[in-house]
Amino acid sequence: MDSWRGERVPELPGRGPETKIADVGGELVAAAAGPTATLYACGITPYDATHIGHAATFLAWDLLVRAWHDAGHEVRYVQNVTDVDDPLLERAARDGEDWRELADREIALFRGDMEALRALPPAHYIGAVEALPIIERLSQRLGDHGDLYELDGDMYLTRSADPSFGAVSGLDAATMTELFAERGGDPGRPGKKDPLDPLVWLAARPDEPSWPSGFGPGRPGWHVECAAIATEYLGVTFDVQAGGTDLIFPHHEMSASHARLALGELAGPGEPVFARHYAHAGMVRLDGAKMSKSQGNLVFVSRLLEAGTDPMAIRLAVLAHHYREDWDWTDAGLAAAQERLDRWRAALAAAGPGAGAGPRPASGVLEAGSPGDGVLGGVRERLADDLDAPGALAVVDAWADAVLGGAGAGGGQPAGLVRDTVDALLGVSL
């Protein structure tokens, strides 16, 4: 599956610091373990357009990718598309539409929204349908290890085979069972060995798409999909698994469990199977309720763009909130973002055209007190601290205030460097 087109990222002088993120327990940890930084982001189920909640989640990971690049890492970024699943099939049936046509249209719309918001594209953008051979291989490994059982033609993972089950979420069994029922699981199905056993392969149902496999015709479960795609493209161990807080359980918990059971013997000494760390974005609300497709209280990126909203104002409206926070989308917040964008652009014009980032220091490191240290150094520092986008915006605000308040051309800093910093690290085109 094709990814979307990415913008050129300006090269900045020196190198940014290593980025730390808050892991599932809240501890700040280095996001990347080595020269190559690896990220798996759970993608969309394409049965409706990109809403602001989606945008906030994927723009958070875009900041991480940008910070990694700035710190000198090679980045391997993978994102999936769950292009066959119950919500998609149900929406297509409701609307009398072919499920594949619905998925293709919404995937194209998502790509366009990500381009408009200047999110850097993943190196691998993988749909579940095209990944069926990968998913079957991992599923067969589970079967070969004796970790699957059959129920009326469907295949389930025996979660009790994984002594580390629960390590990602830290939840008790009662809470897990409640969330599993709320988020697409089937804990009450008669015949299951354990209510929390996840579905690995769904046998073919009438009038639903299916594909041949060693388990018979059918289609894969959701959790095995991400376990298989992530480990195929990033390896048995990778740096960060990313998604919204609503994916902590069951999705991230169960994806990791699938990988541990299937691939545990392949991990390096002392290395975990699956993700070293997890990053979770907060939920975006509208009128106090979580923005979600099921509730229908959505603000769509594409509709804002069609109404003439500057995509950079949308991006700034999102970045005004820390990625881990729950927050409310409001018209006032969007208006404030547009005002901020206008002020930054006015300051850039007042500071003069600039000539770009200027010469690179011979050491390759930007020295404290050098031109541009204020904005570039400040933005780098804030992003390195758990992707503190609001703090980074405040750094640029202070520069703009200085310029527009008459502090001298460029506020003492090359305007081109400020422009390139905002572009490269915050993804905002001025």
Protein backbone atom coordinates (compact mmCIF):
# COMPACT_ATOMS: atom_id res chain seq x y z
CA MET A 1 0.00 0.00 0.00
CA ASP A 2 1.37 3.42 -0.92
CA SER A 3 2.16 5.89 1.81
CA TRP A 4 1.57 9.61 1.31
CA ARG A 5 3.94 12.24 -0.02
CA GLY A 6 6.27 13.85 2.50
CA GLU A 7 7.59 17.41 2.54
CA ARG A 8 11.30 18.19 2.47
CA VAL A 9 12.59 18.71 6.01
CA PRO A 10 15.16 21.52 6.39
CA GLU A 11 18.52 20.50 7.80
CA LEU A 12 19.33 22.28 11.04
CA PRO A 13 22.80 23.05 12.45
CA GLY A 14 24.12 20.73 15.12
CA ARG A 15 22.15 17.86 16.57
CA GLY A 16 19.18 17.72 18.86
CA PRO A 17 19.28 15.89 22.20
CA GLU A 18 17.92 12.40 22.70
CA THR A 19 14.16 12.42 23.07
CA LYS A 20 12.61 11.00 26.21
CA ILE A 21 9.01 9.83 26.40
CA ALA A 22 6.76 8.72 29.25
CA ASP A 23 6.48 4.93 29.17
CA VAL A 24 3.35 3.11 30.35
CA GLY A 25 4.33 3.57 34.00
CA GLY A 26 4.95 7.30 33.53
CA GLU A 27 8.74 7.04 33.77
CA LEU A 28 10.71 9.17 31.31
CA VAL A 29 12.88 6.93 29.15
CA ALA A 30 15.05 7.41 26.08
CA ALA A 31 12.76 6.70 23.15
CA ALA A 32 15.45 5.13 20.95
CA ALA A 33 17.93 2.48 22.02
CA GLY A 34 20.45 2.84 19.19
CA PRO A 35 21.39 4.64 15.96
CA THR A 36 18.27 3.36 14.20
CA ALA A 37 15.05 4.44 15.88
CA THR A 38 12.03 2.23 15.26
CA LEU A 39 8.36 3.11 15.62
CA TYR A 40 5.14 1.21 15.05
CA ALA A 41 1.97 3.28 15.09
CA CYS A 42 -1.42 1.60 15.04
CA GLY A 43 -3.32 3.08 12.10
CA ILE A 44 -6.90 3.66 11.09
CA THR A 45 -9.79 1.35 10.38
CA PRO A 46 -10.95 3.14 7.22
CA TYR A 47 -14.71 3.37 7.55
CA ASP A 48 -14.92 7.13 8.12
CA ALA A 49 -12.85 10.22 7.47
CA THR A 50 -9.94 11.51 9.56
CA HIS A 51 -11.21 13.36 12.62
CA ILE A 52 -9.29 15.63 14.97
CA GLY A 53 -8.72 12.78 17.41
CA HIS A 54 -6.90 10.85 14.69
CA ALA A 55 -4.94 13.95 13.71
CA ALA A 56 -3.81 14.60 17.29
CA THR A 57 -2.55 11.03 17.66
CA PHE A 58 -0.60 10.91 14.42
CA LEU A 59 0.82 14.41 14.82
CA ALA A 60 2.26 13.30 18.17
CA TRP A 61 4.20 10.53 16.46
CA ASP A 62 5.20 12.97 13.74
CA LEU A 63 6.91 15.09 16.40
CA LEU A 64 8.76 12.01 17.64
CA VAL A 65 9.96 11.13 14.14
CA ARG A 66 11.11 14.73 13.57
CA ALA A 67 12.96 14.83 16.88
CA TRP A 68 14.63 11.52 16.11
CA HIS A 69 15.80 12.74 12.71
CA ASP A 70 17.13 15.93 14.32
CA ALA A 71 19.09 13.87 16.86
CA GLY A 72 20.81 12.05 13.99
CA HIS A 73 18.88 8.79 14.02
CA GLU A 74 17.95 6.77 11.00
CA VAL A 75 14.21 6.25 11.48
CA ARG A 76 12.16 3.19 10.53
CA TYR A 77 8.50 4.08 10.92
CA VAL A 78 5.72 1.58 10.19
CA GLN A 79 1.98 2.19 10.29
CA ASN A 80 -0.80 -0.27 9.52
CA VAL A 81 -4.30 0.08 8.10
CA THR A 82 -6.93 -2.34 9.37
CA ASP A 83 -8.64 -2.53 6.00
CA VAL A 84 -10.86 -5.50 6.87
CA ASP A 85 -12.65 -5.64 10.23
CA ASP A 86 -16.14 -5.66 11.68
CA PRO A 87 -16.64 -1.85 11.88
CA LEU A 88 -15.70 -1.44 8.22
CA LEU A 89 -17.97 -4.29 7.09
CA GLU A 90 -20.84 -3.03 9.22
CA ARG A 91 -20.58 0.51 7.81
CA ALA A 92 -20.43 -0.79 4.24
CA ALA A 93 -23.50 -2.96 4.83
CA ARG A 94 -25.39 -0.08 6.43
CA ASP A 95 -24.68 2.19 3.47
CA GLY A 96 -25.12 -0.47 0.78
CA GLU A 97 -21.55 0.01 -0.40
CA ASP A 98 -18.80 -2.41 -1.35
CA TRP A 99 -16.48 -2.66 1.66
CA ARG A 100 -13.34 -2.44 -0.48
CA GLU A 101 -14.52 0.73 -2.21
CA LEU A 102 -15.34 2.28 1.15
CA ALA A 103 -11.91 1.40 2.53
CA ASP A 104 -10.07 2.68 -0.54
CA ARG A 105 -11.92 6.00 -0.46
CA GLU A 106 -11.28 6.59 3.23
CA ILE A 107 -7.62 5.58 2.98
CA ALA A 108 -7.16 8.09 0.14
CA LEU A 109 -8.85 10.77 2.24
CA PHE A 110 -6.60 9.96 5.21
CA ARG A 111 -3.50 10.24 3.02
CA GLY A 112 -4.66 13.65 1.80
CA ASP A 113 -5.33 14.87 5.33
CA MET A 114 -1.89 13.73 6.51
CA GLU A 115 -0.23 15.50 3.57
CA ALA A 116 -2.13 18.70 4.29
CA LEU A 117 -1.09 18.57 7.95
CA ARG A 118 2.51 17.88 6.87
CA ALA A 119 2.85 14.63 8.80
CA LEU A 120 5.95 12.77 7.65
CA PRO A 121 4.95 9.48 6.01
CA PRO A 122 5.86 6.06 7.38
CA ALA A 123 8.41 4.09 5.41
CA HIS A 124 5.97 1.18 5.35
CA TYR A 125 2.22 1.75 5.22
CA ILE A 126 0.74 -1.73 5.39
CA GLY A 127 -2.85 -2.89 5.01
CA ALA A 128 -4.12 -6.01 6.75
CA VAL A 129 -5.27 -7.54 3.46
CA GLU A 130 -1.85 -7.25 1.79
CA ALA A 131 -0.25 -8.53 5.01
CA LEU A 132 -2.30 -11.73 5.14
CA PRO A 133 0.72 -14.00 4.39
CA ILE A 134 2.68 -12.30 7.19
CA ILE A 135 -0.22 -12.63 9.60
CA GLU A 136 -0.73 -16.29 8.74
CA ARG A 137 2.95 -17.07 9.35
CA LEU A 138 2.85 -15.63 12.84
CA SER A 139 -0.49 -17.34 13.52
CA GLN A 140 0.96 -20.67 12.42
CA ARG A 141 3.88 -20.19 14.80
CA LEU A 142 1.36 -19.78 17.60
CA GLY A 143 -0.34 -22.97 16.49
CA ASP A 144 2.95 -24.83 16.27
CA HIS A 145 3.70 -23.80 19.87
CA GLY A 146 0.36 -25.18 21.03
CA ASP A 147 -0.98 -21.75 21.97
CA LEU A 148 -4.18 -21.86 19.86
CA TYR A 149 -7.45 -23.72 20.20
CA GLU A 150 -10.43 -24.04 17.89
CA LEU A 151 -13.99 -22.98 18.69
CA ASP A 152 -16.64 -23.54 16.01
CA GLY A 153 -14.00 -23.05 13.31
CA ASP A 154 -12.54 -19.90 14.88
CA MET A 155 -9.04 -19.93 16.37
CA TYR A 156 -8.29 -18.38 19.76
CA LEU A 157 -5.04 -17.66 21.58
CA THR A 158 -4.69 -19.20 25.02
CA ARG A 159 -3.71 -16.12 26.95
CA SER A 160 -2.82 -18.16 30.05
CA ALA A 161 0.17 -19.49 28.08
CA ASP A 162 1.74 -16.03 28.46
CA PRO A 163 2.87 -15.38 32.05
CA SER A 164 3.58 -11.74 31.15
CA PHE A 165 0.00 -11.04 30.05
CA GLY A 166 -1.05 -7.81 31.78
CA ALA A 167 2.42 -6.27 31.88
CA VAL A 168 1.54 -3.50 29.41
CA SER A 169 -1.69 -2.30 31.01
CA GLY A 170 -1.15 -3.29 34.62
CA LEU A 171 -4.90 -3.97 34.94
CA ASP A 172 -6.66 -6.62 36.98
CA ALA A 173 -8.69 -9.36 35.30
CA ALA A 174 -12.07 -7.79 36.09
CA THR A 175 -11.12 -4.45 34.54
CA MET A 176 -9.60 -6.20 31.52
CA THR A 177 -12.80 -8.18 30.97
CA GLU A 178 -14.94 -5.05 31.17
CA LEU A 179 -12.76 -3.16 28.70
CA PHE A 180 -12.52 -6.16 26.40
CA ALA A 181 -16.30 -6.23 26.07
CA GLU A 182 -16.43 -2.46 25.43
CA ARG A 183 -13.68 -2.47 22.81
CA GLY A 184 -14.58 -5.19 20.37
CA GLY A 185 -13.78 -8.35 22.34
CA ASP A 186 -16.05 -11.29 23.11
CA PRO A 187 -15.43 -12.27 26.75
CA GLY A 188 -18.92 -13.75 27.09
CA ARG A 189 -18.72 -16.19 24.19
CA PRO A 190 -19.65 -19.71 25.34
CA GLY A 191 -16.94 -22.31 24.88
CA LYS A 192 -13.92 -20.02 25.37
CA LYS A 193 -11.34 -21.34 27.79
CA ASP A 194 -10.85 -17.88 29.27
CA PRO A 195 -12.97 -14.73 28.73
CA LEU A 196 -9.81 -12.81 27.78
CA ASP A 197 -8.61 -15.21 25.08
CA PRO A 198 -8.28 -13.12 21.89
CA LEU A 199 -9.47 -14.17 18.44
CA VAL A 200 -6.63 -15.00 16.05
CA TRP A 201 -8.56 -16.28 13.00
CA LEU A 202 -12.26 -15.80 12.27
CA ALA A 203 -13.72 -18.55 10.11
CA ALA A 204 -15.58 -17.41 6.99
CA ARG A 205 -19.08 -16.01 7.57
CA PRO A 206 -21.81 -15.71 4.93
CA ASP A 207 -21.61 -12.51 2.87
CA GLU A 208 -18.28 -11.50 4.43
CA PRO A 209 -14.86 -11.42 2.77
CA SER A 210 -12.55 -14.35 3.46
CA TRP A 211 -9.21 -15.70 2.35
CA PRO A 212 -7.71 -19.20 2.34
CA SER A 213 -5.35 -20.18 5.14
CA GLY A 214 -4.00 -23.18 6.99
CA PHE A 215 -6.89 -22.71 9.44
CA GLY A 216 -9.47 -22.73 6.64
CA PRO A 217 -11.06 -19.76 4.86
CA GLY A 218 -11.58 -16.65 6.98
CA ARG A 219 -9.87 -13.46 8.08
CA PRO A 220 -7.48 -12.43 10.85
CA GLY A 221 -8.17 -10.94 14.22
CA TRP A 222 -7.12 -7.38 15.00
CA HIS A 223 -4.39 -7.99 17.57
CA VAL A 224 -2.49 -10.60 15.59
CA GLU A 225 -2.50 -8.21 12.62
CA CYS A 226 -0.41 -5.59 14.41
CA ALA A 227 1.81 -8.17 16.10
CA ALA A 228 2.68 -9.67 12.74
CA ILE A 229 3.18 -6.43 10.79
CA ALA A 230 5.26 -4.74 13.49
CA THR A 231 7.67 -7.65 13.96
CA GLU A 232 7.93 -8.35 10.23
CA TYR A 233 9.09 -4.83 9.38
CA LEU A 234 10.82 -3.75 12.60
CA GLY A 235 12.11 -7.00 14.07
CA VAL A 236 11.26 -9.00 17.16
CA THR A 237 12.25 -6.04 19.35
CA PHE A 238 11.67 -2.40 18.40
CA ASP A 239 11.70 0.93 20.21
CA VAL A 240 8.17 2.33 20.46
CA GLN A 241 4.63 1.05 20.00
CA ALA A 242 2.35 4.07 19.69
CA GLY A 243 -1.38 4.68 19.75
CA GLY A 244 -4.18 6.30 21.70
CA THR A 245 -4.81 5.54 25.36
CA ASP A 246 -7.85 3.53 24.28
CA LEU A 247 -5.44 1.00 22.73
CA ILE A 248 -3.54 0.18 25.92
CA PHE A 249 -6.05 -2.56 26.56
CA PRO A 250 -6.92 -4.76 24.84
CA HIS A 251 -4.99 -3.96 21.69
CA HIS A 252 -1.43 -3.24 22.82
CA GLU A 253 -1.61 -5.78 25.61
CA MET A 254 -2.81 -8.52 23.29
CA SER A 255 -0.55 -7.62 20.36
CA ALA A 256 2.47 -7.90 22.64
CA SER A 257 1.22 -11.22 24.02
CA HIS A 258 0.84 -12.67 20.51
CA ALA A 259 4.41 -11.65 19.71
CA ARG A 260 5.85 -13.01 22.96
CA LEU A 261 4.26 -16.41 22.47
CA ALA A 262 5.14 -16.68 18.78
CA LEU A 263 8.64 -15.15 18.79
CA GLY A 264 9.94 -15.28 22.34
CA GLU A 265 12.84 -17.56 21.50
CA LEU A 266 14.09 -15.11 18.85
CA ALA A 267 14.66 -12.11 21.12
CA GLY A 268 18.20 -11.08 21.96
CA PRO A 269 19.63 -11.53 25.46
CA GLY A 270 17.93 -9.17 27.89
CA GLU A 271 15.69 -7.72 25.17
CA PRO A 272 11.91 -7.71 25.40
CA VAL A 273 9.78 -9.21 22.67
CA PHE A 274 7.82 -6.55 20.81
CA ALA A 275 8.14 -2.93 22.02
CA ARG A 276 10.72 -1.64 24.46
CA HIS A 277 8.43 1.29 25.24
CA TYR A 278 4.86 2.43 24.67
CA ALA A 279 3.62 5.94 23.89
CA HIS A 280 -0.06 6.75 24.29
CA ALA A 281 -1.91 9.86 23.16
CA GLY A 282 -4.82 11.28 25.12
CA MET A 283 -8.36 11.52 23.83
CA VAL A 284 -9.84 14.58 22.12
CA ARG A 285 -13.30 15.59 23.30
CA LEU A 286 -16.08 17.63 21.72
CA ASP A 287 -18.53 19.25 24.12
CA GLY A 288 -17.09 17.20 26.96
CA ALA A 289 -17.48 13.77 25.29
CA LYS A 290 -14.70 11.74 23.70
CA MET A 291 -14.62 12.32 19.95
CA SER A 292 -15.40 8.93 18.40
CA LYS A 293 -17.00 7.39 15.35
CA SER A 294 -19.41 5.37 17.45
CA GLN A 295 -20.85 8.50 19.06
CA GLY A 296 -20.77 10.54 15.85
CA ASN A 297 -19.43 13.66 17.60
CA LEU A 298 -16.65 14.25 15.11
CA VAL A 299 -14.81 17.21 13.65
CA PHE A 300 -13.33 16.10 10.34
CA VAL A 301 -10.00 17.45 9.09
CA SER A 302 -11.17 17.29 5.47
CA ARG A 303 -14.23 19.42 6.20
CA LEU A 304 -12.16 22.05 7.96
CA LEU A 305 -9.88 22.15 4.93
CA GLU A 306 -12.84 22.39 2.55
CA ALA A 307 -14.12 25.35 4.57
CA GLY A 308 -10.83 27.14 3.92
CA THR A 309 -9.09 26.56 7.26
CA ASP A 310 -5.32 26.83 6.99
CA PRO A 311 -3.96 23.33 7.68
CA MET A 312 -1.12 24.90 9.66
CA ALA A 313 -3.70 26.45 11.99
CA ILE A 314 -5.21 22.98 12.51
CA ARG A 315 -1.75 21.63 13.28
CA LEU A 316 -1.05 24.43 15.76
CA ALA A 317 -4.44 23.93 17.42
CA VAL A 318 -3.44 20.31 18.07
CA LEU A 319 0.14 21.09 19.15
CA ALA A 320 -1.17 23.57 21.73
CA HIS A 321 -1.98 20.50 23.86
CA HIS A 322 0.46 17.96 25.26
CA TYR A 323 -0.01 14.68 23.45
CA ARG A 324 -0.69 12.68 26.63
CA GLU A 325 -3.49 14.99 27.80
CA ASP A 326 -7.20 14.63 27.18
CA TRP A 327 -8.50 17.92 25.81
CA ASP A 328 -11.45 19.62 24.13
CA TRP A 329 -11.60 20.78 20.53
CA THR A 330 -13.27 24.20 20.33
CA ASP A 331 -13.80 26.93 17.77
CA ALA A 332 -12.00 29.29 20.15
CA GLY A 333 -8.97 27.01 20.21
CA LEU A 334 -8.83 26.95 16.42
CA ALA A 335 -9.17 30.74 16.26
CA ALA A 336 -6.33 31.13 18.76
CA ALA A 337 -4.17 28.83 16.62
CA GLN A 338 -4.87 30.95 13.54
CA GLU A 339 -3.94 34.09 15.49
CA ARG A 340 -0.69 32.43 16.61
CA LEU A 341 0.10 31.41 13.01
CA ASP A 342 -0.60 34.94 11.76
CA ARG A 343 1.62 36.38 14.49
CA TRP A 344 4.50 34.05 13.69
CA ARG A 345 4.25 34.86 9.99
CA ALA A 346 4.10 38.59 10.73
CA ALA A 347 7.19 38.30 12.90
CA LEU A 348 9.04 36.41 10.19
CA ALA A 349 8.16 39.11 7.66
CA ALA A 350 9.20 41.86 10.08
CA ALA A 351 12.49 40.13 10.85
CA GLY A 352 13.50 40.13 7.20
CA PRO A 353 13.85 37.33 4.65
CA GLY A 354 16.83 35.63 6.32
CA ALA A 355 19.15 33.33 4.47
CA GLY A 356 18.27 30.01 5.98
CA ALA A 357 19.96 28.33 8.88
CA GLY A 358 23.35 29.92 8.31
CA PRO A 359 26.75 28.21 8.41
CA ARG A 360 27.15 24.98 10.35
CA PRO A 361 29.57 25.16 13.28
CA ALA A 362 32.84 23.36 12.58
CA SER A 363 32.15 21.05 15.52
CA GLY A 364 28.73 20.15 14.14
CA VAL A 365 27.23 21.18 17.49
CA LEU A 366 25.33 24.42 17.99
CA GLU A 367 27.06 26.26 20.83
CA ALA A 368 25.08 27.91 23.62
CA GLY A 369 24.78 31.63 23.00
CA SER A 370 25.28 31.35 19.25
CA PRO A 371 22.78 32.94 16.86
CA GLY A 372 19.63 30.88 16.85
CA ASP A 373 20.42 29.16 20.14
CA GLY A 374 17.31 30.71 21.66
CA VAL A 375 14.64 29.34 19.35
CA LEU A 376 16.40 26.25 18.00
CA GLY A 377 17.84 25.25 21.36
CA GLY A 378 14.60 25.99 23.16
CA VAL A 379 12.40 24.01 20.79
CA ARG A 380 14.85 21.10 20.84
CA GLU A 381 14.89 21.10 24.64
CA ARG A 382 11.10 21.09 24.94
CA LEU A 383 10.55 18.31 22.39
CA ALA A 384 13.23 16.18 24.03
CA ASP A 385 11.19 16.37 27.26
CA ASP A 386 8.33 14.01 26.38
CA LEU A 387 7.41 15.90 23.20
CA ASP A 388 6.37 19.06 25.05
CA ALA A 389 4.78 20.78 22.06
CA PRO A 390 3.05 23.53 24.12
CA GLY A 391 6.42 24.45 25.61
CA ALA A 392 7.98 24.51 22.15
CA LEU A 393 5.23 26.81 20.86
CA ALA A 394 5.90 29.14 23.79
CA VAL A 395 9.55 29.41 22.73
CA VAL A 396 8.51 30.61 19.27
CA ASP A 397 5.87 32.89 20.79
CA ALA A 398 8.58 34.64 22.83
CA TRP A 399 10.67 35.17 19.70
CA ALA A 400 7.67 36.58 17.80
CA ASP A 401 6.83 38.89 20.70
CA ALA A 402 10.41 40.16 20.74
CA VAL A 403 10.42 40.86 17.01
CA LEU A 404 7.02 42.52 16.91
CA GLY A 405 7.82 44.43 20.10
CA GLY A 406 10.76 46.11 18.40
CA ALA A 407 13.64 44.07 19.82
CA GLY A 408 15.52 44.38 16.56
CA ALA A 409 15.62 42.45 13.33
CA GLY A 410 15.11 38.79 13.96
CA GLY A 411 14.93 39.23 17.72
CA GLY A 412 18.70 38.72 17.68
CA GLN A 413 18.40 35.48 15.71
CA PRO A 414 18.53 34.69 11.97
CA ALA A 415 14.96 34.68 10.71
CA GLY A 416 15.77 31.86 8.31
CA LEU A 417 16.90 29.66 11.18
CA VAL A 418 13.69 30.32 13.08
CA ARG A 419 11.65 29.49 9.99
CA ASP A 420 13.60 26.27 9.43
CA THR A 421 13.33 25.28 13.10
CA VAL A 422 9.55 25.67 13.07
CA ASP A 423 9.37 23.72 9.81
CA ALA A 424 11.76 20.89 10.69
CA LEU A 425 10.80 20.27 14.30
CA LEU A 426 7.18 21.43 14.58
CA GLY A 427 6.13 20.69 11.00
CA VAL A 428 4.64 24.15 10.54
CA SER A 429 5.25 25.96 7.28
CA LEU A 430 5.55 29.72 7.70
